[in-house]
């Protein structure tokens, strides 16, 4: 983690809380198995709720790993670069990520807003508003990741500036 900002702390808290949703998925899935096979009365809500819980965890996971820069990377070429080139490659990656996230935030915000306006639901027997909730959560998390990445770009640029001041020949 590069900085312990309020946003980073909030993201970590949300990620830690969301991780317990996986335990809830296991519990309600076990309940479903019991109801279906032992009692003969399957539920209609477990599948939808477990999908919503898992999707929530995955979406919140984006800002969580972005905060620590611990996302999955294939770093073979990066590891072979000299340190002076690595800082530039890191800045380039941060800039490309920022560009992608700006577009992602825009697109998810449009979809989330539309889902909220029309009250988008699952269309099943329960007809829960899970799509509207998840699309809105995705837009919020994409916006958080955009802000985090903007901070990473600033950090990377500062790192390059410090290197250039410390050793102008590089």
N, C-alpha and C. Protein backbone atom coordinates (compact mmCIF):
# COMPACT_ATOMS: atom_id res chain seq x y z
N UNK A 1 0.85 -1.17 0.00
CA UNK A 1 0.00 0.00 0.00
C UNK A 1 0.89 1.22 0.00
N UNK A 2 0.65 2.12 -0.91
CA UNK A 2 1.51 3.28 -1.04
C UNK A 2 1.13 4.38 -0.05
N UNK A 3 -0.13 4.66 0.13
CA UNK A 3 -0.56 5.68 1.06
C UNK A 3 -1.76 5.17 1.83
N UNK A 4 -1.84 5.58 3.08
CA UNK A 4 -2.97 5.19 3.92
C UNK A 4 -3.99 6.33 3.95
N UNK A 5 -4.63 6.56 2.83
CA UNK A 5 -5.62 7.62 2.73
C UNK A 5 -6.95 7.13 3.29
N UNK A 6 -7.86 8.05 3.47
CA UNK A 6 -9.19 7.70 3.95
C UNK A 6 -9.87 6.76 2.97
N UNK A 7 -9.69 7.01 1.68
CA UNK A 7 -10.29 6.15 0.66
C UNK A 7 -9.72 4.75 0.75
N UNK A 8 -8.39 4.65 0.90
CA UNK A 8 -7.76 3.34 0.99
C UNK A 8 -8.26 2.58 2.21
N UNK A 9 -8.36 3.27 3.33
CA UNK A 9 -8.87 2.61 4.54
C UNK A 9 -10.31 2.16 4.35
N UNK A 10 -11.13 3.00 3.71
CA UNK A 10 -12.53 2.65 3.47
C UNK A 10 -12.63 1.45 2.52
N UNK A 11 -11.80 1.44 1.49
CA UNK A 11 -11.80 0.32 0.54
C UNK A 11 -11.40 -0.97 1.24
N UNK A 12 -10.39 -0.90 2.08
CA UNK A 12 -9.97 -2.10 2.81
C UNK A 12 -11.05 -2.57 3.78
N UNK A 13 -11.71 -1.65 4.44
CA UNK A 13 -12.80 -2.02 5.34
C UNK A 13 -13.94 -2.68 4.57
N UNK A 14 -14.30 -2.10 3.43
CA UNK A 14 -15.37 -2.68 2.60
C UNK A 14 -14.97 -4.06 2.09
N UNK A 15 -13.71 -4.21 1.69
CA UNK A 15 -13.23 -5.51 1.22
C UNK A 15 -13.25 -6.55 2.31
N UNK A 16 -12.85 -6.15 3.51
CA UNK A 16 -12.86 -7.09 4.63
C UNK A 16 -14.28 -7.52 4.99
N UNK A 17 -15.21 -6.58 4.98
CA UNK A 17 -16.60 -6.91 5.26
C UNK A 17 -17.17 -7.79 4.15
N UNK A 18 -16.88 -7.42 2.91
CA UNK A 18 -17.42 -8.18 1.77
C UNK A 18 -16.90 -9.62 1.76
N UNK A 19 -15.71 -9.84 2.27
CA UNK A 19 -15.17 -11.20 2.26
C UNK A 19 -16.04 -12.16 3.07
N UNK A 20 -16.76 -11.63 4.04
CA UNK A 20 -17.66 -12.49 4.82
C UNK A 20 -18.88 -12.92 4.01
N UNK A 21 -19.13 -12.24 2.91
CA UNK A 21 -20.24 -12.67 2.05
C UNK A 21 -19.98 -14.06 1.47
N UNK A 22 -18.71 -14.41 1.29
CA UNK A 22 -18.42 -15.77 0.81
C UNK A 22 -18.87 -16.82 1.83
N UNK A 23 -18.72 -16.52 3.11
CA UNK A 23 -19.22 -17.43 4.15
C UNK A 23 -20.74 -17.51 4.09
N UNK A 24 -21.38 -16.39 3.83
CA UNK A 24 -22.84 -16.39 3.69
C UNK A 24 -23.27 -17.26 2.50
N UNK A 25 -22.51 -17.19 1.42
CA UNK A 25 -22.82 -18.01 0.25
C UNK A 25 -22.77 -19.49 0.61
N UNK A 26 -21.73 -19.87 1.33
CA UNK A 26 -21.60 -21.28 1.75
C UNK A 26 -22.77 -21.66 2.64
N UNK A 27 -23.12 -20.80 3.59
CA UNK A 27 -24.21 -21.11 4.53
C UNK A 27 -25.55 -21.24 3.81
N UNK A 28 -25.88 -20.31 2.92
CA UNK A 28 -27.18 -20.40 2.26
C UNK A 28 -27.20 -21.52 1.22
N UNK A 29 -26.04 -21.85 0.66
CA UNK A 29 -25.99 -22.99 -0.27
C UNK A 29 -26.19 -24.30 0.49
N UNK A 30 -25.62 -24.40 1.66
CA UNK A 30 -25.83 -25.58 2.50
C UNK A 30 -27.30 -25.67 2.90
N UNK A 31 -27.90 -24.53 3.21
CA UNK A 31 -29.32 -24.49 3.53
C UNK A 31 -30.15 -24.97 2.35
N UNK A 32 -29.77 -24.55 1.15
CA UNK A 32 -30.49 -24.97 -0.06
C UNK A 32 -30.40 -26.48 -0.26
N UNK A 33 -29.21 -27.03 -0.06
CA UNK A 33 -29.03 -28.48 -0.21
C UNK A 33 -29.90 -29.21 0.80
N UNK A 34 -29.90 -28.74 2.04
CA UNK A 34 -30.73 -29.35 3.08
C UNK A 34 -32.21 -29.26 2.70
N UNK A 35 -32.65 -28.10 2.29
CA UNK A 35 -34.06 -27.93 1.94
C UNK A 35 -34.47 -28.78 0.73
N UNK A 36 -33.58 -28.84 -0.26
CA UNK A 36 -33.91 -29.57 -1.48
C UNK A 36 -33.88 -31.08 -1.28
N UNK A 37 -32.82 -31.59 -0.68
CA UNK A 37 -32.64 -33.04 -0.65
C UNK A 37 -33.09 -33.71 0.64
N UNK A 38 -33.07 -33.01 1.75
CA UNK A 38 -33.51 -33.63 3.00
C UNK A 38 -34.99 -33.39 3.26
N UNK A 39 -35.46 -32.21 2.91
CA UNK A 39 -36.85 -31.86 3.22
C UNK A 39 -37.73 -31.88 1.97
N UNK A 40 -37.12 -31.77 0.81
CA UNK A 40 -37.90 -31.82 -0.43
C UNK A 40 -38.59 -30.50 -0.76
N UNK A 41 -38.13 -29.40 -0.20
CA UNK A 41 -38.71 -28.08 -0.45
C UNK A 41 -37.62 -27.10 -0.88
N UNK A 42 -37.22 -27.14 -2.16
CA UNK A 42 -36.15 -26.24 -2.60
C UNK A 42 -36.57 -24.77 -2.50
N UNK A 43 -35.59 -23.93 -2.35
CA UNK A 43 -35.86 -22.49 -2.24
C UNK A 43 -35.82 -21.85 -3.63
N UNK A 44 -36.35 -20.66 -3.74
CA UNK A 44 -36.28 -19.92 -5.00
C UNK A 44 -35.32 -18.73 -4.90
N UNK A 45 -34.80 -18.46 -3.72
CA UNK A 45 -34.03 -17.26 -3.50
C UNK A 45 -32.52 -17.47 -3.36
N UNK A 46 -32.08 -18.69 -3.06
CA UNK A 46 -30.67 -18.92 -2.75
C UNK A 46 -29.77 -18.63 -3.95
N UNK A 47 -30.15 -19.09 -5.11
CA UNK A 47 -29.29 -18.90 -6.29
C UNK A 47 -29.09 -17.42 -6.58
N UNK A 48 -30.17 -16.66 -6.63
CA UNK A 48 -30.05 -15.22 -6.93
C UNK A 48 -29.24 -14.50 -5.88
N UNK A 49 -29.47 -14.81 -4.62
CA UNK A 49 -28.76 -14.12 -3.55
C UNK A 49 -27.27 -14.49 -3.54
N UNK A 50 -26.96 -15.75 -3.79
CA UNK A 50 -25.55 -16.14 -3.81
C UNK A 50 -24.82 -15.50 -4.99
N UNK A 51 -25.46 -15.38 -6.13
CA UNK A 51 -24.86 -14.70 -7.27
C UNK A 51 -24.63 -13.22 -6.94
N UNK A 52 -25.60 -12.58 -6.30
CA UNK A 52 -25.46 -11.17 -5.93
C UNK A 52 -24.33 -10.98 -4.93
N UNK A 53 -24.24 -11.88 -3.95
CA UNK A 53 -23.16 -11.78 -2.96
C UNK A 53 -21.79 -11.96 -3.63
N UNK A 54 -21.66 -12.96 -4.49
CA UNK A 54 -20.37 -13.20 -5.16
C UNK A 54 -20.00 -12.03 -6.06
N UNK A 55 -20.96 -11.52 -6.82
CA UNK A 55 -20.69 -10.38 -7.70
C UNK A 55 -20.27 -9.16 -6.88
N UNK A 56 -20.90 -8.95 -5.74
CA UNK A 56 -20.52 -7.85 -4.86
C UNK A 56 -19.06 -7.98 -4.44
N UNK A 57 -18.67 -9.18 -4.05
CA UNK A 57 -17.28 -9.42 -3.64
C UNK A 57 -16.31 -9.15 -4.78
N UNK A 58 -16.64 -9.62 -5.96
CA UNK A 58 -15.74 -9.44 -7.10
C UNK A 58 -15.62 -7.96 -7.48
N UNK A 59 -16.72 -7.24 -7.45
CA UNK A 59 -16.69 -5.83 -7.82
C UNK A 59 -15.93 -5.02 -6.78
N UNK A 60 -16.15 -5.28 -5.52
CA UNK A 60 -15.42 -4.57 -4.46
C UNK A 60 -13.95 -4.96 -4.48
N UNK A 61 -13.65 -6.15 -4.98
CA UNK A 61 -12.26 -6.59 -5.07
C UNK A 61 -11.41 -5.74 -5.99
N UNK A 62 -12.03 -5.09 -6.97
CA UNK A 62 -11.28 -4.22 -7.88
C UNK A 62 -10.59 -3.07 -7.16
N UNK A 63 -11.34 -2.23 -6.46
CA UNK A 63 -10.69 -1.16 -5.71
C UNK A 63 -9.76 -1.69 -4.61
N UNK A 64 -10.09 -2.83 -4.06
CA UNK A 64 -9.26 -3.40 -2.98
C UNK A 64 -7.85 -3.70 -3.49
N UNK A 65 -7.74 -4.39 -4.63
CA UNK A 65 -6.39 -4.69 -5.14
C UNK A 65 -5.75 -3.48 -5.80
N UNK A 66 -6.56 -2.56 -6.33
CA UNK A 66 -6.00 -1.36 -6.92
C UNK A 66 -5.34 -0.49 -5.85
N UNK A 67 -5.90 -0.49 -4.67
CA UNK A 67 -5.34 0.31 -3.57
C UNK A 67 -3.93 -0.13 -3.21
N UNK A 68 -3.68 -1.42 -3.33
CA UNK A 68 -2.37 -1.95 -2.94
C UNK A 68 -1.49 -2.28 -4.15
N UNK A 69 -2.02 -2.03 -5.32
CA UNK A 69 -1.32 -2.40 -6.57
C UNK A 69 -0.93 -3.88 -6.54
N UNK A 70 -1.83 -4.69 -6.06
CA UNK A 70 -1.54 -6.13 -5.94
C UNK A 70 -2.34 -6.95 -6.96
N UNK A 71 -2.77 -6.31 -8.04
CA UNK A 71 -3.50 -7.04 -9.07
C UNK A 71 -2.55 -8.00 -9.79
N UNK A 72 -3.11 -8.95 -10.48
CA UNK A 72 -2.33 -9.94 -11.18
C UNK A 72 -1.61 -9.28 -12.36
N UNK A 73 -0.33 -9.50 -12.45
CA UNK A 73 0.44 -8.95 -13.56
C UNK A 73 1.35 -10.02 -14.14
N UNK A 74 1.66 -9.85 -15.39
CA UNK A 74 2.67 -10.69 -16.04
C UNK A 74 3.88 -9.78 -16.20
N UNK A 75 4.84 -9.97 -15.33
CA UNK A 75 5.92 -8.99 -15.20
C UNK A 75 7.26 -9.44 -15.76
N UNK A 76 7.26 -10.43 -16.63
CA UNK A 76 8.52 -10.94 -17.15
C UNK A 76 9.35 -9.84 -17.82
N UNK A 77 8.73 -9.11 -18.74
CA UNK A 77 9.46 -8.05 -19.45
C UNK A 77 9.84 -6.92 -18.49
N UNK A 78 8.93 -6.57 -17.60
CA UNK A 78 9.18 -5.51 -16.63
C UNK A 78 10.37 -5.88 -15.73
N UNK A 79 10.42 -7.11 -15.28
CA UNK A 79 11.51 -7.56 -14.40
C UNK A 79 12.86 -7.54 -15.10
N UNK A 80 12.89 -7.69 -16.41
CA UNK A 80 14.14 -7.69 -17.17
C UNK A 80 14.64 -6.28 -17.48
N UNK A 81 13.79 -5.27 -17.27
CA UNK A 81 14.18 -3.88 -17.57
C UNK A 81 15.11 -3.35 -16.49
N UNK A 82 15.98 -2.41 -16.88
CA UNK A 82 16.77 -1.72 -15.86
C UNK A 82 15.84 -0.83 -15.02
N UNK A 83 16.23 -0.53 -13.78
CA UNK A 83 15.36 0.25 -12.89
C UNK A 83 14.92 1.59 -13.48
N UNK A 84 15.79 2.26 -14.22
CA UNK A 84 15.42 3.54 -14.83
C UNK A 84 14.28 3.41 -15.82
N UNK A 85 14.26 2.30 -16.54
CA UNK A 85 13.19 2.06 -17.50
C UNK A 85 11.92 1.55 -16.81
N UNK A 86 12.10 0.84 -15.70
CA UNK A 86 10.94 0.32 -14.97
C UNK A 86 10.02 1.44 -14.49
N UNK A 87 10.60 2.55 -14.01
CA UNK A 87 9.75 3.64 -13.52
C UNK A 87 8.93 4.25 -14.66
N UNK A 88 9.52 4.32 -15.85
CA UNK A 88 8.79 4.83 -17.01
C UNK A 88 7.71 3.84 -17.45
N UNK A 89 8.03 2.56 -17.42
CA UNK A 89 7.04 1.53 -17.78
C UNK A 89 5.87 1.54 -16.79
N UNK A 90 6.19 1.75 -15.53
CA UNK A 90 5.12 1.81 -14.52
C UNK A 90 4.21 3.01 -14.76
N UNK A 91 4.81 4.14 -15.11
CA UNK A 91 4.00 5.32 -15.43
C UNK A 91 3.14 5.07 -16.66
N UNK A 92 3.70 4.47 -17.68
CA UNK A 92 2.94 4.16 -18.89
C UNK A 92 1.76 3.23 -18.56
N UNK A 93 2.01 2.21 -17.78
CA UNK A 93 0.93 1.29 -17.39
C UNK A 93 -0.15 2.01 -16.60
N UNK A 94 0.27 2.90 -15.70
CA UNK A 94 -0.71 3.66 -14.91
C UNK A 94 -1.53 4.57 -15.82
N UNK A 95 -0.90 5.20 -16.80
CA UNK A 95 -1.63 6.07 -17.72
C UNK A 95 -2.62 5.28 -18.58
N UNK A 96 -2.20 4.13 -19.08
CA UNK A 96 -3.10 3.28 -19.87
C UNK A 96 -4.26 2.78 -19.02
N UNK A 97 -3.96 2.40 -17.79
CA UNK A 97 -5.01 1.94 -16.88
C UNK A 97 -5.99 3.08 -16.60
N UNK A 98 -5.46 4.27 -16.39
CA UNK A 98 -6.33 5.43 -16.13
C UNK A 98 -7.25 5.69 -17.32
N UNK A 99 -6.70 5.64 -18.53
CA UNK A 99 -7.53 5.86 -19.72
C UNK A 99 -8.65 4.82 -19.80
N UNK A 100 -8.30 3.56 -19.57
CA UNK A 100 -9.31 2.49 -19.60
C UNK A 100 -10.38 2.74 -18.54
N UNK A 101 -9.94 3.08 -17.33
CA UNK A 101 -10.90 3.25 -16.23
C UNK A 101 -11.80 4.46 -16.42
N UNK A 102 -11.31 5.50 -17.07
CA UNK A 102 -12.17 6.65 -17.36
C UNK A 102 -13.32 6.21 -18.26
N UNK A 103 -13.02 5.45 -19.30
CA UNK A 103 -14.07 4.96 -20.19
C UNK A 103 -14.98 3.96 -19.48
N UNK A 104 -14.40 3.09 -18.66
CA UNK A 104 -15.20 2.11 -17.92
C UNK A 104 -16.15 2.81 -16.96
N UNK A 105 -15.65 3.82 -16.27
CA UNK A 105 -16.49 4.57 -15.34
C UNK A 105 -17.64 5.25 -16.08
N UNK A 106 -17.34 5.83 -17.21
CA UNK A 106 -18.38 6.47 -18.01
C UNK A 106 -19.46 5.46 -18.42
N UNK A 107 -19.02 4.34 -18.96
CA UNK A 107 -19.97 3.33 -19.45
C UNK A 107 -20.79 2.73 -18.30
N UNK A 108 -20.13 2.41 -17.20
CA UNK A 108 -20.87 1.80 -16.09
C UNK A 108 -21.80 2.79 -15.40
N UNK A 109 -21.41 4.06 -15.40
CA UNK A 109 -22.29 5.08 -14.83
C UNK A 109 -23.57 5.20 -15.67
N UNK A 110 -23.42 5.19 -16.99
CA UNK A 110 -24.62 5.24 -17.85
C UNK A 110 -25.52 4.03 -17.60
N UNK A 111 -24.92 2.85 -17.54
CA UNK A 111 -25.71 1.64 -17.32
C UNK A 111 -26.34 1.62 -15.94
N UNK A 112 -25.58 2.02 -14.93
CA UNK A 112 -26.12 2.05 -13.58
C UNK A 112 -27.26 3.03 -13.44
N UNK A 113 -27.09 4.21 -14.01
CA UNK A 113 -28.15 5.22 -13.95
C UNK A 113 -29.41 4.73 -14.65
N UNK A 114 -29.23 4.12 -15.82
CA UNK A 114 -30.38 3.60 -16.57
C UNK A 114 -31.08 2.49 -15.78
N UNK A 115 -30.30 1.62 -15.17
CA UNK A 115 -30.89 0.53 -14.38
C UNK A 115 -31.68 1.07 -13.19
N UNK A 116 -31.17 2.13 -12.59
CA UNK A 116 -31.89 2.75 -11.47
C UNK A 116 -33.16 3.47 -11.94
N UNK A 117 -33.05 4.16 -13.07
CA UNK A 117 -34.21 4.90 -13.60
C UNK A 117 -35.36 3.96 -13.92
N UNK A 118 -35.04 2.84 -14.54
CA UNK A 118 -36.09 1.91 -14.97
C UNK A 118 -36.39 0.84 -13.94
N UNK A 119 -35.68 0.87 -12.83
CA UNK A 119 -35.93 -0.13 -11.79
C UNK A 119 -35.65 -1.54 -12.28
N UNK A 120 -34.52 -1.72 -12.92
CA UNK A 120 -34.18 -3.03 -13.50
C UNK A 120 -34.16 -4.10 -12.43
N UNK A 121 -34.81 -5.21 -12.72
CA UNK A 121 -34.90 -6.34 -11.79
C UNK A 121 -34.43 -7.61 -12.47
N UNK A 122 -34.44 -8.70 -11.71
CA UNK A 122 -33.95 -9.97 -12.24
C UNK A 122 -34.91 -10.61 -13.23
N UNK A 123 -36.18 -10.29 -13.14
CA UNK A 123 -37.16 -10.89 -14.05
C UNK A 123 -37.53 -12.31 -13.67
N UNK A 124 -37.17 -12.72 -12.46
CA UNK A 124 -37.52 -14.06 -11.99
C UNK A 124 -38.74 -13.98 -11.09
N UNK A 125 -39.06 -15.07 -10.44
CA UNK A 125 -40.23 -15.09 -9.55
C UNK A 125 -40.09 -14.06 -8.43
N UNK A 126 -38.90 -13.88 -7.92
CA UNK A 126 -38.69 -12.90 -6.85
C UNK A 126 -38.58 -11.49 -7.39
N UNK A 127 -38.04 -11.35 -8.57
CA UNK A 127 -37.93 -10.06 -9.25
C UNK A 127 -37.19 -9.02 -8.42
N UNK A 128 -36.11 -9.42 -7.80
CA UNK A 128 -35.30 -8.52 -6.97
C UNK A 128 -34.57 -7.50 -7.84
N UNK A 129 -34.25 -6.34 -7.30
CA UNK A 129 -33.53 -5.30 -8.06
C UNK A 129 -32.01 -5.51 -8.07
N UNK A 130 -31.59 -6.73 -8.16
CA UNK A 130 -30.16 -7.05 -8.12
C UNK A 130 -29.40 -6.42 -9.29
N UNK A 131 -29.90 -6.44 -10.53
CA UNK A 131 -29.14 -5.80 -11.61
C UNK A 131 -28.92 -4.30 -11.38
N UNK A 132 -29.92 -3.61 -10.89
CA UNK A 132 -29.76 -2.18 -10.63
C UNK A 132 -28.72 -1.96 -9.53
N UNK A 133 -28.76 -2.78 -8.49
CA UNK A 133 -27.79 -2.67 -7.40
C UNK A 133 -26.37 -2.94 -7.90
N UNK A 134 -26.19 -4.04 -8.64
CA UNK A 134 -24.84 -4.41 -9.09
C UNK A 134 -24.28 -3.42 -10.10
N UNK A 135 -25.11 -2.94 -11.01
CA UNK A 135 -24.63 -1.97 -12.00
C UNK A 135 -24.22 -0.66 -11.33
N UNK A 136 -24.97 -0.27 -10.33
CA UNK A 136 -24.62 0.95 -9.58
C UNK A 136 -23.34 0.74 -8.79
N UNK A 137 -23.23 -0.40 -8.13
CA UNK A 137 -22.01 -0.72 -7.37
C UNK A 137 -20.80 -0.76 -8.30
N UNK A 138 -20.96 -1.32 -9.48
CA UNK A 138 -19.87 -1.39 -10.45
C UNK A 138 -19.43 0.02 -10.85
N UNK A 139 -20.39 0.92 -11.07
CA UNK A 139 -20.04 2.30 -11.43
C UNK A 139 -19.30 2.99 -10.30
N UNK A 140 -19.76 2.80 -9.08
CA UNK A 140 -19.09 3.42 -7.92
C UNK A 140 -17.68 2.87 -7.78
N UNK A 141 -17.52 1.56 -7.89
CA UNK A 141 -16.19 0.96 -7.75
C UNK A 141 -15.27 1.36 -8.90
N UNK A 142 -15.81 1.49 -10.11
CA UNK A 142 -14.99 1.95 -11.24
C UNK A 142 -14.52 3.39 -11.00
N UNK A 143 -15.39 4.22 -10.45
CA UNK A 143 -15.01 5.60 -10.14
C UNK A 143 -13.92 5.65 -9.07
N UNK A 144 -14.05 4.80 -8.06
CA UNK A 144 -13.03 4.72 -7.02
C UNK A 144 -11.70 4.28 -7.61
N UNK A 145 -11.75 3.27 -8.48
CA UNK A 145 -10.51 2.80 -9.12
C UNK A 145 -9.90 3.87 -10.01
N UNK A 146 -10.73 4.67 -10.66
CA UNK A 146 -10.22 5.77 -11.48
C UNK A 146 -9.47 6.77 -10.61
N UNK A 147 -10.06 7.12 -9.48
CA UNK A 147 -9.39 8.06 -8.57
C UNK A 147 -8.10 7.46 -8.03
N UNK A 148 -8.13 6.19 -7.67
CA UNK A 148 -6.92 5.54 -7.16
C UNK A 148 -5.82 5.54 -8.22
N UNK A 149 -6.19 5.25 -9.45
CA UNK A 149 -5.21 5.20 -10.53
C UNK A 149 -4.66 6.59 -10.83
N UNK A 150 -5.50 7.60 -10.74
CA UNK A 150 -5.01 8.97 -10.92
C UNK A 150 -3.94 9.28 -9.86
N UNK A 151 -4.17 8.82 -8.65
CA UNK A 151 -3.17 9.01 -7.59
C UNK A 151 -1.89 8.21 -7.91
N UNK A 152 -2.05 7.03 -8.49
CA UNK A 152 -0.88 6.25 -8.88
C UNK A 152 -0.08 6.96 -9.97
N UNK A 153 -0.76 7.59 -10.91
CA UNK A 153 -0.07 8.34 -11.97
C UNK A 153 0.75 9.47 -11.34
N UNK A 154 0.15 10.16 -10.39
CA UNK A 154 0.88 11.25 -9.71
C UNK A 154 2.08 10.69 -8.95
N UNK A 155 1.90 9.59 -8.24
CA UNK A 155 3.02 8.96 -7.52
C UNK A 155 4.13 8.56 -8.48
N UNK A 156 3.75 7.94 -9.60
CA UNK A 156 4.74 7.49 -10.58
C UNK A 156 5.49 8.67 -11.19
N UNK A 157 4.78 9.74 -11.50
CA UNK A 157 5.42 10.93 -12.06
C UNK A 157 6.37 11.56 -11.04
N UNK A 158 5.97 11.58 -9.79
CA UNK A 158 6.85 12.12 -8.73
C UNK A 158 8.10 11.26 -8.58
N UNK A 159 7.91 9.96 -8.69
CA UNK A 159 9.06 9.05 -8.58
C UNK A 159 10.07 9.33 -9.70
N UNK A 160 9.57 9.54 -10.91
CA UNK A 160 10.45 9.87 -12.04
C UNK A 160 11.13 11.21 -11.81
N UNK A 161 10.36 12.20 -11.33
CA UNK A 161 10.93 13.53 -11.08
C UNK A 161 12.04 13.45 -10.02
N UNK A 162 11.82 12.68 -8.97
CA UNK A 162 12.84 12.53 -7.93
C UNK A 162 14.10 11.88 -8.49
N UNK A 163 13.93 10.89 -9.36
CA UNK A 163 15.09 10.22 -9.96
C UNK A 163 15.86 11.19 -10.87
N UNK A 164 15.12 12.02 -11.59
CA UNK A 164 15.77 12.96 -12.50
C UNK A 164 16.50 14.06 -11.72
N UNK A 165 15.96 14.47 -10.60
CA UNK A 165 16.63 15.48 -9.78
C UNK A 165 17.85 14.88 -9.10
N UNK A 166 17.72 13.64 -8.62
CA UNK A 166 18.83 12.99 -7.94
C UNK A 166 19.96 12.65 -8.89
N UNK A 167 19.62 12.29 -10.12
CA UNK A 167 20.64 11.91 -11.10
C UNK A 167 20.20 12.45 -12.47
N UNK A 168 20.54 13.68 -12.80
CA UNK A 168 20.08 14.30 -14.05
C UNK A 168 20.56 13.58 -15.31
N UNK A 169 21.58 12.74 -15.21
CA UNK A 169 22.10 12.06 -16.38
C UNK A 169 21.26 10.88 -16.83
N UNK A 170 20.28 10.49 -16.05
CA UNK A 170 19.47 9.32 -16.40
C UNK A 170 18.36 9.65 -17.33
